[in-house]
Amino acid sequence: MAVLAPTPRTTLKRAPTRGSHEIDTLHRILDLAPIVHVGINVHAQPAIIPTFHLRIGDALYFHGSTANRMFRVLASGEPACVTASLIDGLVLARSAFHHSMNYRSVVIYGTAETVNDATEKAKILTGLIEKLVPGRSKDARAPNETELKRTLLIRFPIVEASAKIRSGGPIDDEEDYESDIWAGVVPLKTVALSPIRDDLLPDSIPQPEYLSRYLKEHQ
């Protein structure tokens, strides 16, 4: 199993048995996460911004307006931190102290770079639409030249990262197992609900097949 070499920043000190540097584990969590949070430093003021992302190989990609503060900071090469989190369940223990959550998370440290090649940029922007709903890019109008110029595409290499995962039931103190308090896990998942048609969409335009397929896979 391929792994990233741990660094002082990615070596887990709290509950290290839940940690992982396996590349497949990191990639799987990043691919499933609907968004990531990007931590940056702006004029000595920390800021954490959520953004949509796409992973290709050993890099994450973000896109946004060329006027966006976060993207300008990333494009300048300033150090940043990216996190992703998936919440899988609420862990209800017998004692208040041992309540927890089941989760999968990733933390990445590094610096970003801009993607300027027009062909590569168009390909990755298509990939971002495909991650949103597979099949959508064939329907949606492609960005025109003006829109491409107004869009900043950022590549964030995954070279210094770690994952942390909790699963299973509550872990109580031995004496609490004799209590008559309910304990267990409440599983959680994100589901897709029925689409809401745009008010300006003509009734003659049917729901696309790829959207129907997406709904079946996410309900």
N, C-alpha and C. Protein backbone atom coordinates (compact mmCIF):
# COMPACT_ATOMS: atom_id res chain seq x y z
N MET A 1 0.85 -1.20 0.00
CA MET A 1 0.00 0.00 0.00
C MET A 1 0.88 1.25 0.00
N ALA A 2 0.71 2.11 -0.99
CA ALA A 2 1.51 3.33 -1.09
C ALA A 2 1.10 4.31 -0.01
N VAL A 3 2.09 4.95 0.61
CA VAL A 3 1.82 5.91 1.68
C VAL A 3 2.62 7.18 1.45
N LEU A 4 2.14 8.29 2.03
CA LEU A 4 2.90 9.52 2.07
C LEU A 4 3.78 9.49 3.32
N ALA A 5 4.99 9.95 3.20
CA ALA A 5 5.88 9.98 4.35
C ALA A 5 5.35 10.98 5.38
N PRO A 6 5.19 10.54 6.64
CA PRO A 6 4.73 11.48 7.68
C PRO A 6 5.74 12.60 7.89
N THR A 7 5.21 13.77 8.24
CA THR A 7 6.05 14.92 8.59
C THR A 7 5.67 15.35 10.00
N PRO A 8 6.42 16.25 10.61
CA PRO A 8 6.03 16.73 11.94
C PRO A 8 4.60 17.28 11.97
N ARG A 9 4.14 17.86 10.87
CA ARG A 9 2.79 18.42 10.84
C ARG A 9 1.71 17.37 10.61
N THR A 10 2.07 16.23 10.02
CA THR A 10 1.06 15.22 9.70
C THR A 10 1.18 13.97 10.57
N THR A 11 2.07 13.99 11.55
CA THR A 11 2.18 12.88 12.50
C THR A 11 1.14 13.07 13.59
N LEU A 12 0.19 12.13 13.69
CA LEU A 12 -0.90 12.29 14.64
C LEU A 12 -0.44 11.95 16.05
N LYS A 13 -0.75 12.84 16.96
CA LYS A 13 -0.37 12.65 18.36
C LYS A 13 -1.56 12.24 19.22
N ARG A 14 -2.75 12.71 18.90
CA ARG A 14 -3.96 12.36 19.63
C ARG A 14 -4.64 11.20 18.91
N ALA A 15 -4.82 10.05 19.59
CA ALA A 15 -5.42 8.85 19.01
C ALA A 15 -4.74 8.48 17.69
N PRO A 16 -3.43 8.23 17.73
CA PRO A 16 -2.69 7.97 16.49
C PRO A 16 -3.13 6.70 15.76
N THR A 17 -3.76 5.75 16.47
CA THR A 17 -4.21 4.52 15.80
C THR A 17 -5.33 4.80 14.81
N ARG A 18 -5.96 5.95 14.91
CA ARG A 18 -7.01 6.31 13.96
C ARG A 18 -6.45 7.00 12.72
N GLY A 19 -5.16 7.25 12.72
CA GLY A 19 -4.55 7.99 11.62
C GLY A 19 -4.12 7.10 10.48
N SER A 20 -3.96 7.70 9.32
CA SER A 20 -3.50 6.98 8.14
C SER A 20 -2.78 7.93 7.19
N HIS A 21 -1.72 7.41 6.57
CA HIS A 21 -1.04 8.15 5.50
C HIS A 21 -1.15 7.40 4.17
N GLU A 22 -2.05 6.41 4.13
CA GLU A 22 -2.22 5.64 2.90
C GLU A 22 -2.83 6.53 1.81
N ILE A 23 -2.20 6.53 0.67
CA ILE A 23 -2.64 7.41 -0.42
C ILE A 23 -4.06 7.07 -0.88
N ASP A 24 -4.38 5.77 -0.97
CA ASP A 24 -5.73 5.38 -1.39
C ASP A 24 -6.79 5.88 -0.42
N THR A 25 -6.48 5.83 0.88
CA THR A 25 -7.42 6.32 1.89
C THR A 25 -7.63 7.82 1.76
N LEU A 26 -6.54 8.55 1.61
CA LEU A 26 -6.62 10.00 1.42
C LEU A 26 -7.47 10.34 0.19
N HIS A 27 -7.18 9.68 -0.91
CA HIS A 27 -7.90 9.97 -2.15
C HIS A 27 -9.39 9.64 -2.03
N ARG A 28 -9.70 8.52 -1.39
CA ARG A 28 -11.10 8.11 -1.28
C ARG A 28 -11.91 9.13 -0.49
N ILE A 29 -11.37 9.62 0.61
CA ILE A 29 -12.09 10.61 1.42
C ILE A 29 -12.25 11.90 0.64
N LEU A 30 -11.20 12.35 -0.02
CA LEU A 30 -11.27 13.59 -0.79
C LEU A 30 -12.28 13.48 -1.93
N ASP A 31 -12.37 12.32 -2.56
CA ASP A 31 -13.31 12.14 -3.67
C ASP A 31 -14.76 12.14 -3.19
N LEU A 32 -14.99 11.61 -1.98
CA LEU A 32 -16.36 11.54 -1.46
C LEU A 32 -16.82 12.87 -0.85
N ALA A 33 -15.88 13.66 -0.37
CA ALA A 33 -16.25 14.92 0.29
C ALA A 33 -16.89 15.88 -0.71
N PRO A 34 -18.06 16.43 -0.40
CA PRO A 34 -18.70 17.38 -1.33
C PRO A 34 -17.95 18.69 -1.46
N ILE A 35 -17.29 19.12 -0.38
CA ILE A 35 -16.49 20.34 -0.42
C ILE A 35 -15.26 20.14 0.47
N VAL A 36 -14.32 21.05 0.36
CA VAL A 36 -13.19 21.13 1.29
C VAL A 36 -13.18 22.53 1.89
N HIS A 37 -12.45 22.70 2.99
CA HIS A 37 -12.25 24.01 3.59
C HIS A 37 -10.78 24.39 3.45
N VAL A 38 -10.55 25.60 2.98
CA VAL A 38 -9.19 26.07 2.71
C VAL A 38 -8.83 27.14 3.74
N GLY A 39 -7.76 26.89 4.48
CA GLY A 39 -7.28 27.85 5.47
C GLY A 39 -6.13 28.68 4.91
N ILE A 40 -6.29 29.99 4.97
CA ILE A 40 -5.27 30.90 4.46
C ILE A 40 -5.02 32.01 5.47
N ASN A 41 -3.97 32.77 5.24
CA ASN A 41 -3.63 33.90 6.10
C ASN A 41 -3.67 35.17 5.25
N VAL A 42 -4.56 36.10 5.63
CA VAL A 42 -4.73 37.34 4.87
C VAL A 42 -4.45 38.52 5.79
N HIS A 43 -3.34 39.20 5.55
CA HIS A 43 -2.97 40.36 6.38
C HIS A 43 -2.97 40.00 7.87
N ALA A 44 -2.32 38.88 8.18
CA ALA A 44 -2.17 38.40 9.56
C ALA A 44 -3.50 38.00 10.19
N GLN A 45 -4.52 37.79 9.37
CA GLN A 45 -5.83 37.37 9.85
C GLN A 45 -6.17 36.01 9.24
N PRO A 46 -6.34 34.96 10.08
CA PRO A 46 -6.68 33.66 9.51
C PRO A 46 -8.08 33.65 8.92
N ALA A 47 -8.25 32.91 7.83
CA ALA A 47 -9.57 32.76 7.20
C ALA A 47 -9.70 31.33 6.71
N ILE A 48 -10.88 30.76 6.89
CA ILE A 48 -11.16 29.40 6.43
C ILE A 48 -12.38 29.46 5.53
N ILE A 49 -12.19 29.07 4.27
CA ILE A 49 -13.22 29.25 3.25
C ILE A 49 -13.61 27.90 2.65
N PRO A 50 -14.91 27.57 2.59
CA PRO A 50 -15.34 26.34 1.92
C PRO A 50 -15.32 26.52 0.41
N THR A 51 -14.98 25.46 -0.31
CA THR A 51 -14.98 25.53 -1.77
C THR A 51 -15.18 24.15 -2.37
N PHE A 52 -15.74 24.12 -3.57
CA PHE A 52 -15.91 22.88 -4.33
C PHE A 52 -14.56 22.48 -4.90
N HIS A 53 -14.33 21.19 -5.05
CA HIS A 53 -13.01 20.72 -5.45
C HIS A 53 -13.12 19.50 -6.35
N LEU A 54 -12.01 19.20 -6.99
CA LEU A 54 -11.87 17.99 -7.79
C LEU A 54 -10.47 17.44 -7.57
N ARG A 55 -10.37 16.13 -7.36
CA ARG A 55 -9.04 15.51 -7.27
C ARG A 55 -8.72 14.80 -8.57
N ILE A 56 -7.55 15.08 -9.10
CA ILE A 56 -7.02 14.35 -10.25
C ILE A 56 -5.61 13.92 -9.87
N GLY A 57 -5.39 12.61 -9.79
CA GLY A 57 -4.07 12.12 -9.40
C GLY A 57 -3.70 12.59 -8.00
N ASP A 58 -2.54 13.18 -7.88
CA ASP A 58 -2.05 13.61 -6.57
C ASP A 58 -2.20 15.11 -6.37
N ALA A 59 -3.29 15.68 -6.88
CA ALA A 59 -3.53 17.12 -6.71
C ALA A 59 -5.02 17.40 -6.61
N LEU A 60 -5.35 18.46 -5.86
CA LEU A 60 -6.70 18.99 -5.81
C LEU A 60 -6.78 20.21 -6.71
N TYR A 61 -7.98 20.46 -7.25
CA TYR A 61 -8.20 21.63 -8.09
C TYR A 61 -9.40 22.40 -7.57
N PHE A 62 -9.24 23.74 -7.50
CA PHE A 62 -10.31 24.65 -7.12
C PHE A 62 -10.46 25.69 -8.22
N HIS A 63 -11.66 26.21 -8.39
CA HIS A 63 -11.84 27.28 -9.37
C HIS A 63 -12.71 28.38 -8.78
N GLY A 64 -12.45 29.60 -9.20
CA GLY A 64 -13.23 30.73 -8.72
C GLY A 64 -12.88 31.99 -9.49
N SER A 65 -13.46 33.06 -9.09
CA SER A 65 -13.26 34.34 -9.76
C SER A 65 -11.83 34.84 -9.56
N THR A 66 -11.30 35.48 -10.58
CA THR A 66 -9.97 36.09 -10.46
C THR A 66 -9.96 37.21 -9.43
N ALA A 67 -11.15 37.70 -9.05
CA ALA A 67 -11.24 38.76 -8.05
C ALA A 67 -11.40 38.21 -6.63
N ASN A 68 -11.50 36.88 -6.50
CA ASN A 68 -11.72 36.26 -5.20
C ASN A 68 -10.46 36.33 -4.34
N ARG A 69 -10.63 36.77 -3.10
CA ARG A 69 -9.48 36.96 -2.21
C ARG A 69 -8.73 35.66 -1.96
N MET A 70 -9.47 34.58 -1.66
CA MET A 70 -8.81 33.32 -1.36
C MET A 70 -7.99 32.82 -2.53
N PHE A 71 -8.53 32.92 -3.73
CA PHE A 71 -7.83 32.42 -4.90
C PHE A 71 -6.60 33.28 -5.22
N ARG A 72 -6.70 34.56 -4.97
CA ARG A 72 -5.52 35.42 -5.18
C ARG A 72 -4.40 35.05 -4.20
N VAL A 73 -4.76 34.77 -2.94
CA VAL A 73 -3.76 34.37 -1.96
C VAL A 73 -3.13 33.04 -2.36
N LEU A 74 -3.94 32.07 -2.76
CA LEU A 74 -3.41 30.78 -3.17
C LEU A 74 -2.50 30.92 -4.38
N ALA A 75 -2.91 31.74 -5.34
CA ALA A 75 -2.11 31.93 -6.55
C ALA A 75 -0.76 32.59 -6.26
N SER A 76 -0.68 33.32 -5.15
CA SER A 76 0.58 34.00 -4.80
C SER A 76 1.61 33.05 -4.21
N GLY A 77 1.21 31.82 -3.91
CA GLY A 77 2.15 30.86 -3.35
C GLY A 77 2.24 30.86 -1.84
N GLU A 78 1.31 31.54 -1.17
CA GLU A 78 1.31 31.54 0.29
C GLU A 78 0.94 30.15 0.82
N PRO A 79 1.54 29.72 1.93
CA PRO A 79 1.19 28.42 2.52
C PRO A 79 -0.29 28.36 2.86
N ALA A 80 -0.86 27.17 2.72
CA ALA A 80 -2.28 26.99 3.01
C ALA A 80 -2.51 25.62 3.61
N CYS A 81 -3.68 25.45 4.19
CA CYS A 81 -4.09 24.16 4.76
C CYS A 81 -5.48 23.84 4.23
N VAL A 82 -5.65 22.61 3.74
CA VAL A 82 -6.93 22.18 3.19
C VAL A 82 -7.45 21.00 4.01
N THR A 83 -8.72 21.03 4.39
CA THR A 83 -9.31 19.94 5.16
C THR A 83 -10.59 19.45 4.49
N ALA A 84 -10.86 18.16 4.67
CA ALA A 84 -12.10 17.54 4.21
C ALA A 84 -12.65 16.69 5.33
N SER A 85 -13.98 16.66 5.49
CA SER A 85 -14.60 15.89 6.58
C SER A 85 -15.87 15.21 6.08
N LEU A 86 -16.03 13.96 6.48
CA LEU A 86 -17.26 13.20 6.25
C LEU A 86 -17.77 12.74 7.61
N ILE A 87 -19.02 13.04 7.94
CA ILE A 87 -19.60 12.63 9.21
C ILE A 87 -20.47 11.40 8.95
N ASP A 88 -20.12 10.28 9.58
CA ASP A 88 -20.80 9.01 9.32
C ASP A 88 -21.80 8.61 10.39
N GLY A 89 -21.71 9.20 11.58
CA GLY A 89 -22.66 8.82 12.61
C GLY A 89 -22.44 9.54 13.92
N LEU A 90 -23.51 9.58 14.74
CA LEU A 90 -23.44 10.14 16.08
C LEU A 90 -23.23 8.98 17.06
N VAL A 91 -22.22 9.08 17.88
CA VAL A 91 -21.89 8.02 18.82
C VAL A 91 -22.40 8.42 20.20
N LEU A 92 -23.43 7.73 20.68
CA LEU A 92 -24.05 8.04 21.96
C LEU A 92 -23.55 7.04 23.01
N ALA A 93 -22.73 7.53 23.89
CA ALA A 93 -22.16 6.69 24.94
C ALA A 93 -23.02 6.74 26.20
N ARG A 94 -22.67 5.92 27.17
CA ARG A 94 -23.40 5.91 28.44
C ARG A 94 -23.05 7.13 29.27
N SER A 95 -21.86 7.63 29.12
CA SER A 95 -21.44 8.84 29.84
C SER A 95 -21.35 10.00 28.87
N ALA A 96 -21.63 11.19 29.36
CA ALA A 96 -21.52 12.38 28.51
C ALA A 96 -20.11 12.56 27.99
N PHE A 97 -19.13 12.20 28.79
CA PHE A 97 -17.72 12.41 28.43
C PHE A 97 -17.32 11.63 27.18
N HIS A 98 -17.90 10.46 26.96
CA HIS A 98 -17.46 9.59 25.87
C HIS A 98 -18.34 9.70 24.62
N HIS A 99 -19.27 10.64 24.57
CA HIS A 99 -20.00 10.86 23.33
C HIS A 99 -19.03 11.30 22.24
N SER A 100 -19.31 10.91 20.99
CA SER A 100 -18.37 11.21 19.91
C SER A 100 -19.12 11.19 18.58
N MET A 101 -18.36 11.19 17.51
CA MET A 101 -18.88 11.03 16.15
C MET A 101 -18.00 10.05 15.41
N ASN A 102 -18.60 9.31 14.49
CA ASN A 102 -17.82 8.55 13.53
C ASN A 102 -17.58 9.44 12.32
N TYR A 103 -16.35 9.48 11.86
CA TYR A 103 -15.99 10.44 10.82
C TYR A 103 -14.80 9.92 10.02
N ARG A 104 -14.60 10.56 8.86
CA ARG A 104 -13.39 10.38 8.05
C ARG A 104 -12.92 11.77 7.67
N SER A 105 -11.66 12.06 7.89
CA SER A 105 -11.17 13.41 7.62
C SER A 105 -9.77 13.38 7.03
N VAL A 106 -9.43 14.46 6.35
CA VAL A 106 -8.10 14.63 5.75
C VAL A 106 -7.62 16.05 6.01
N VAL A 107 -6.34 16.18 6.29
CA VAL A 107 -5.69 17.48 6.42
C VAL A 107 -4.50 17.50 5.47
N ILE A 108 -4.40 18.56 4.67
CA ILE A 108 -3.30 18.70 3.70
C ILE A 108 -2.62 20.04 3.92
N TYR A 109 -1.29 20.04 3.94
CA TYR A 109 -0.51 21.26 4.02
C TYR A 109 0.25 21.45 2.70
N GLY A 110 0.43 22.70 2.28
CA GLY A 110 1.21 22.93 1.08
C GLY A 110 1.00 24.30 0.49
N THR A 111 1.45 24.45 -0.73
CA THR A 111 1.27 25.68 -1.48
C THR A 111 0.66 25.35 -2.84
N ALA A 112 -0.08 26.29 -3.37
CA ALA A 112 -0.80 26.08 -4.62
C ALA A 112 -0.09 26.72 -5.80
N GLU A 113 -0.59 26.42 -6.98
CA GLU A 113 -0.11 27.04 -8.21
C GLU A 113 -1.29 27.19 -9.15
N THR A 114 -1.18 28.11 -10.08
CA THR A 114 -2.27 28.33 -11.03
C THR A 114 -2.11 27.43 -12.25
N VAL A 115 -3.23 27.10 -12.86
CA VAL A 115 -3.24 26.35 -14.11
C VAL A 115 -3.55 27.35 -15.21
N ASN A 116 -2.61 27.57 -16.11
CA ASN A 116 -2.78 28.59 -17.14
C ASN A 116 -2.95 28.03 -18.55
N ASP A 117 -2.54 26.79 -18.76
CA ASP A 117 -2.69 26.20 -20.09
C ASP A 117 -4.18 26.08 -20.43
N ALA A 118 -4.58 26.64 -21.55
CA ALA A 118 -6.00 26.72 -21.90
C ALA A 118 -6.64 25.34 -22.06
N THR A 119 -5.92 24.42 -22.68
CA THR A 119 -6.47 23.08 -22.90
C THR A 119 -6.64 22.34 -21.59
N GLU A 120 -5.62 22.40 -20.74
CA GLU A 120 -5.71 21.74 -19.43
C GLU A 120 -6.80 22.38 -18.58
N LYS A 121 -6.89 23.69 -18.65
CA LYS A 121 -7.89 24.41 -17.86
C LYS A 121 -9.30 24.00 -18.25
N ALA A 122 -9.56 23.93 -19.54
CA ALA A 122 -10.89 23.54 -20.02
C ALA A 122 -11.22 22.11 -19.60
N LYS A 123 -10.23 21.22 -19.66
CA LYS A 123 -10.44 19.82 -19.29
C LYS A 123 -10.79 19.69 -17.81
N ILE A 124 -10.10 20.43 -16.96
CA ILE A 124 -10.33 20.33 -15.52
C ILE A 124 -11.66 20.97 -15.14
N LEU A 125 -12.00 22.08 -15.77
CA LEU A 125 -13.30 22.71 -15.50
C LEU A 125 -14.45 21.78 -15.90
N THR A 126 -14.27 21.03 -16.98
CA THR A 126 -15.26 20.01 -17.35
C THR A 126 -15.33 18.94 -16.27
N GLY A 127 -14.18 18.54 -15.75
CA GLY A 127 -14.15 17.54 -14.69
C GLY A 127 -14.87 17.99 -13.44
N LEU A 128 -14.79 19.27 -13.13
CA LEU A 128 -15.50 19.81 -11.96
C LEU A 128 -17.01 19.68 -12.14
N ILE A 129 -17.51 19.95 -13.35
CA ILE A 129 -18.94 19.80 -13.62
C ILE A 129 -19.34 18.33 -13.53
N GLU A 130 -18.47 17.45 -14.03
CA GLU A 130 -18.76 16.02 -14.00
C GLU A 130 -18.79 15.48 -12.57
N LYS A 131 -17.96 16.04 -11.69
CA LYS A 131 -18.01 15.60 -10.29
C LYS A 131 -19.33 16.02 -9.66
N LEU A 132 -19.83 17.18 -10.03
CA LEU A 132 -21.10 17.67 -9.49
C LEU A 132 -22.22 16.70 -9.82
N VAL A 133 -22.43 16.44 -11.11
CA VAL A 133 -23.40 15.44 -11.58
C VAL A 133 -22.83 14.81 -12.85
N PRO A 134 -22.42 13.55 -12.81
CA PRO A 134 -21.87 12.90 -14.00
C PRO A 134 -22.83 12.97 -15.18
N GLY A 135 -22.31 13.41 -16.32
CA GLY A 135 -23.11 13.56 -17.53
C GLY A 135 -23.55 14.98 -17.80
N ARG A 136 -23.44 15.86 -16.80
CA ARG A 136 -23.95 17.22 -16.94
C ARG A 136 -23.14 18.05 -17.94
N SER A 137 -21.84 17.79 -18.05
CA SER A 137 -21.00 18.64 -18.90
C SER A 137 -21.40 18.56 -20.38
N LYS A 138 -22.04 17.46 -20.78
CA LYS A 138 -22.46 17.34 -22.18
C LYS A 138 -23.68 18.21 -22.47
N ASP A 139 -24.42 18.57 -21.43
CA ASP A 139 -25.60 19.42 -21.59
C ASP A 139 -25.27 20.90 -21.45
N ALA A 140 -24.48 21.22 -20.43
CA ALA A 140 -24.22 22.63 -20.09
C ALA A 140 -23.38 23.31 -21.16
N ARG A 141 -23.67 24.60 -21.39
CA ARG A 141 -22.86 25.38 -22.33
C ARG A 141 -21.44 25.51 -21.76
N ALA A 142 -20.45 25.27 -22.59
CA ALA A 142 -19.06 25.38 -22.16
C ALA A 142 -18.71 26.85 -21.92
N PRO A 143 -17.74 27.13 -21.03
CA PRO A 143 -17.34 28.52 -20.79
C PRO A 143 -16.83 29.18 -22.07
N ASN A 144 -17.20 30.45 -22.26
CA ASN A 144 -16.65 31.18 -23.40
C ASN A 144 -15.31 31.81 -23.01
N GLU A 145 -14.69 32.49 -23.94
CA GLU A 145 -13.35 33.05 -23.70
C GLU A 145 -13.34 34.06 -22.55
N THR A 146 -14.37 34.88 -22.49
CA THR A 146 -14.45 35.87 -21.41
C THR A 146 -14.59 35.20 -20.06
N GLU A 147 -15.43 34.18 -19.98
CA GLU A 147 -15.62 33.47 -18.72
C GLU A 147 -14.35 32.76 -18.29
N LEU A 148 -13.61 32.19 -19.24
CA LEU A 148 -12.37 31.52 -18.90
C LEU A 148 -11.35 32.51 -18.34
N LYS A 149 -11.30 33.70 -18.92
CA LYS A 149 -10.36 34.71 -18.44
C LYS A 149 -10.71 35.19 -17.03
N ARG A 150 -11.99 35.14 -16.68
CA ARG A 150 -12.44 35.59 -15.36
C ARG A 150 -12.36 34.49 -14.32
N THR A 151 -11.95 33.28 -14.74
CA THR A 151 -11.88 32.13 -13.84
C THR A 151 -10.44 31.78 -13.53
N LEU A 152 -10.13 31.69 -12.25
CA LEU A 152 -8.81 31.29 -11.80
C LEU A 152 -8.88 29.82 -11.39
N LEU A 153 -8.01 29.01 -11.96
CA LEU A 153 -7.96 27.58 -11.64
C LEU A 153 -6.69 27.30 -10.84
N ILE A 154 -6.87 26.67 -9.69
CA ILE A 154 -5.78 26.45 -8.75
C ILE A 154 -5.50 24.96 -8.62
N ARG A 155 -4.22 24.59 -8.65
CA ARG A 155 -3.80 23.22 -8.36
C ARG A 155 -3.13 23.19 -6.99
N PHE A 156 -3.56 22.25 -6.13
CA PHE A 156 -2.99 22.12 -4.78
C PHE A 156 -2.45 20.70 -4.64
N PRO A 157 -1.13 20.51 -4.73
CA PRO A 157 -0.55 19.16 -4.67
C PRO A 157 -0.79 18.48 -3.31
N ILE A 158 -1.02 17.19 -3.35
CA ILE A 158 -1.23 16.40 -2.13
C ILE A 158 0.10 15.71 -1.81
N VAL A 159 0.99 16.41 -1.13
CA VAL A 159 2.31 15.87 -0.83
C VAL A 159 2.57 15.77 0.67
N GLU A 160 1.83 16.52 1.48
CA GLU A 160 2.00 16.48 2.93
C GLU A 160 0.59 16.41 3.54
N ALA A 161 0.16 15.20 3.88
CA ALA A 161 -1.23 15.02 4.28
C ALA A 161 -1.37 13.81 5.20
N SER A 162 -2.47 13.81 5.94
CA SER A 162 -2.82 12.66 6.78
C SER A 162 -4.33 12.55 6.85
N ALA A 163 -4.80 11.34 7.12
CA ALA A 163 -6.22 11.08 7.32
C ALA A 163 -6.43 10.64 8.76
N LYS A 164 -7.65 10.84 9.25
CA LYS A 164 -8.02 10.36 10.57
C LYS A 164 -9.45 9.84 10.49
N ILE A 165 -9.66 8.66 11.06
CA ILE A 165 -10.95 7.98 10.90
C ILE A 165 -11.38 7.40 12.25
N ARG A 166 -12.65 7.63 12.59
CA ARG A 166 -13.24 6.94 13.73
C ARG A 166 -14.44 6.15 13.24
N SER A 167 -14.55 4.89 13.68
CA SER A 167 -15.70 4.06 13.34
C SER A 167 -16.03 3.19 14.55
N GLY A 168 -17.20 2.58 14.51
CA GLY A 168 -17.59 1.68 15.59
C GLY A 168 -18.44 2.36 16.65
N GLY A 169 -18.72 1.60 17.70
CA GLY A 169 -19.61 2.06 18.74
C GLY A 169 -18.93 2.86 19.83
N PRO A 170 -19.68 3.19 20.87
CA PRO A 170 -19.13 3.98 21.97
C PRO A 170 -18.11 3.17 22.78
N ILE A 171 -17.18 3.89 23.38
CA ILE A 171 -16.18 3.28 24.25
C ILE A 171 -16.37 3.89 25.64
N ASP A 172 -16.99 3.14 26.53
CA ASP A 172 -17.34 3.66 27.85
C ASP A 172 -16.36 3.17 28.91
N ASP A 173 -16.41 3.79 30.07
CA ASP A 173 -15.68 3.30 31.22
C ASP A 173 -16.32 1.99 31.68
N GLU A 174 -15.50 1.09 32.20
CA GLU A 174 -15.98 -0.25 32.55
C GLU A 174 -17.19 -0.22 33.47
N GLU A 175 -17.19 0.68 34.47
CA GLU A 175 -18.28 0.70 35.43
C GLU A 175 -19.60 1.17 34.81
N ASP A 176 -19.52 1.90 33.67
CA ASP A 176 -20.75 2.43 33.05
C ASP A 176 -21.50 1.38 32.24
N TYR A 177 -20.85 0.26 31.90
CA TYR A 177 -21.52 -0.78 31.12
C TYR A 177 -22.65 -1.45 31.90
N GLU A 178 -22.65 -1.30 33.21
CA GLU A 178 -23.70 -1.89 34.03
C GLU A 178 -24.93 -0.99 34.13
N SER A 179 -24.86 0.21 33.57
CA SER A 179 -25.98 1.15 33.68
C SER A 179 -27.10 0.77 32.73
N ASP A 180 -28.29 1.35 32.95
CA ASP A 180 -29.44 1.08 32.09
C ASP A 180 -29.66 2.20 31.07
N ILE A 181 -28.58 2.84 30.67
CA ILE A 181 -28.64 3.95 29.71
C ILE A 181 -28.44 3.42 28.30
N TRP A 182 -29.31 3.83 27.38
CA TRP A 182 -29.17 3.39 25.97
C TRP A 182 -27.87 3.94 25.40
N ALA A 183 -27.18 3.12 24.61
CA ALA A 183 -25.95 3.54 23.95
C ALA A 183 -25.89 2.92 22.56
N GLY A 184 -25.24 3.59 21.64
CA GLY A 184 -25.12 3.07 20.28
C GLY A 184 -24.75 4.17 19.31
N VAL A 185 -25.03 3.92 18.03
CA VAL A 185 -24.64 4.84 16.96
C VAL A 185 -25.87 5.21 16.13
N VAL A 186 -26.00 6.48 15.80
CA VAL A 186 -27.02 6.95 14.87
C VAL A 186 -26.33 7.21 13.53
N PRO A 187 -26.46 6.31 12.54
CA PRO A 187 -25.79 6.52 11.25
C PRO A 187 -26.35 7.75 10.54
N LEU A 188 -25.48 8.44 9.84
CA LEU A 188 -25.87 9.62 9.07
C LEU A 188 -25.39 9.46 7.63
N LYS A 189 -26.16 10.03 6.69
CA LYS A 189 -25.71 10.08 5.30
C LYS A 189 -26.38 11.25 4.60
N THR A 190 -25.77 11.72 3.53
CA THR A 190 -26.32 12.79 2.71
C THR A 190 -27.10 12.18 1.56
N VAL A 191 -28.33 12.63 1.35
CA VAL A 191 -29.15 12.09 0.28
C VAL A 191 -29.61 13.21 -0.65
N ALA A 192 -29.92 12.84 -1.88
CA ALA A 192 -30.46 13.79 -2.85
C ALA A 192 -31.98 13.74 -2.81
N LEU A 193 -32.61 14.90 -2.77
CA LEU A 193 -34.07 15.00 -2.77
C LEU A 193 -34.57 15.27 -4.19
N SER A 194 -35.87 15.31 -4.35
CA SER A 194 -36.46 15.54 -5.68
C SER A 194 -36.01 16.89 -6.23
N PRO A 195 -35.59 16.95 -7.50
CA PRO A 195 -35.16 18.21 -8.10
C PRO A 195 -36.28 19.23 -8.15
N ILE A 196 -35.92 20.50 -8.05
CA ILE A 196 -36.87 21.61 -8.16
C ILE A 196 -36.60 22.33 -9.48
N ARG A 197 -37.54 22.29 -10.37
CA ARG A 197 -37.36 22.87 -11.69
C ARG A 197 -37.24 24.40 -11.60
N ASP A 198 -36.38 24.96 -12.44
CA ASP A 198 -36.29 26.41 -12.57
C ASP A 198 -37.64 26.95 -13.04
N ASP A 199 -38.08 28.04 -12.44
CA ASP A 199 -39.37 28.64 -12.82
C ASP A 199 -39.40 29.05 -14.29
N LEU A 200 -38.24 29.35 -14.87
CA LEU A 200 -38.17 29.78 -16.26
C LEU A 200 -37.96 28.63 -17.24
N LEU A 201 -37.93 27.40 -16.72
CA LEU A 201 -37.70 26.23 -17.58
C LEU A 201 -39.01 25.82 -18.25
N PRO A 202 -39.04 25.75 -19.58
CA PRO A 202 -40.27 25.33 -20.27
C PRO A 202 -40.69 23.92 -19.86
N ASP A 203 -41.98 23.69 -19.77
CA ASP A 203 -42.50 22.39 -19.38
C ASP A 203 -42.11 21.29 -20.37
N SER A 204 -41.77 21.69 -21.58
CA SER A 204 -41.45 20.71 -22.62
C SER A 204 -40.07 20.07 -22.42
N ILE A 205 -39.24 20.64 -21.55
CA ILE A 205 -37.90 20.10 -21.32
C ILE A 205 -37.96 19.08 -20.19
N PRO A 206 -37.70 17.80 -20.50
CA PRO A 206 -37.81 16.76 -19.47
C PRO A 206 -36.57 16.71 -18.58
N GLN A 207 -36.72 16.05 -17.46
CA GLN A 207 -35.58 15.82 -16.58
C GLN A 207 -34.59 14.90 -17.28
N PRO A 208 -33.31 15.26 -17.35
CA PRO A 208 -32.34 14.43 -18.08
C PRO A 208 -32.12 13.08 -17.41
N GLU A 209 -31.78 12.10 -18.23
CA GLU A 209 -31.60 10.73 -17.73
C GLU A 209 -30.46 10.65 -16.72
N TYR A 210 -29.39 11.43 -16.95
CA TYR A 210 -28.25 11.35 -16.03
C TYR A 210 -28.62 11.89 -14.65
N LEU A 211 -29.59 12.83 -14.58
CA LEU A 211 -30.03 13.33 -13.29
C LEU A 211 -30.88 12.28 -12.57
N SER A 212 -31.72 11.59 -13.33
CA SER A 212 -32.51 10.50 -12.74
C SER A 212 -31.60 9.42 -12.19
N ARG A 213 -30.54 9.11 -12.91
CA ARG A 213 -29.58 8.10 -12.46
C ARG A 213 -28.86 8.58 -11.19
N TYR A 214 -28.51 9.86 -11.17
CA TYR A 214 -27.84 10.43 -9.98
C TYR A 214 -28.74 10.31 -8.75
N LEU A 215 -30.03 10.59 -8.92
CA LEU A 215 -30.96 10.52 -7.80
C LEU A 215 -31.07 9.10 -7.26
N LYS A 216 -31.12 8.13 -8.15
CA LYS A 216 -31.20 6.73 -7.72
C LYS A 216 -29.97 6.32 -6.91
N GLU A 217 -28.83 6.87 -7.28
CA GLU A 217 -27.58 6.48 -6.62
C GLU A 217 -27.36 7.22 -5.31
N HIS A 218 -28.15 8.29 -5.05
CA HIS A 218 -27.91 9.12 -3.87
C HIS A 218 -29.16 9.27 -3.00
N GLN A 219 -30.01 8.25 -3.01
CA GLN A 219 -31.20 8.29 -2.15
C GLN A 219 -31.17 7.11 -1.19
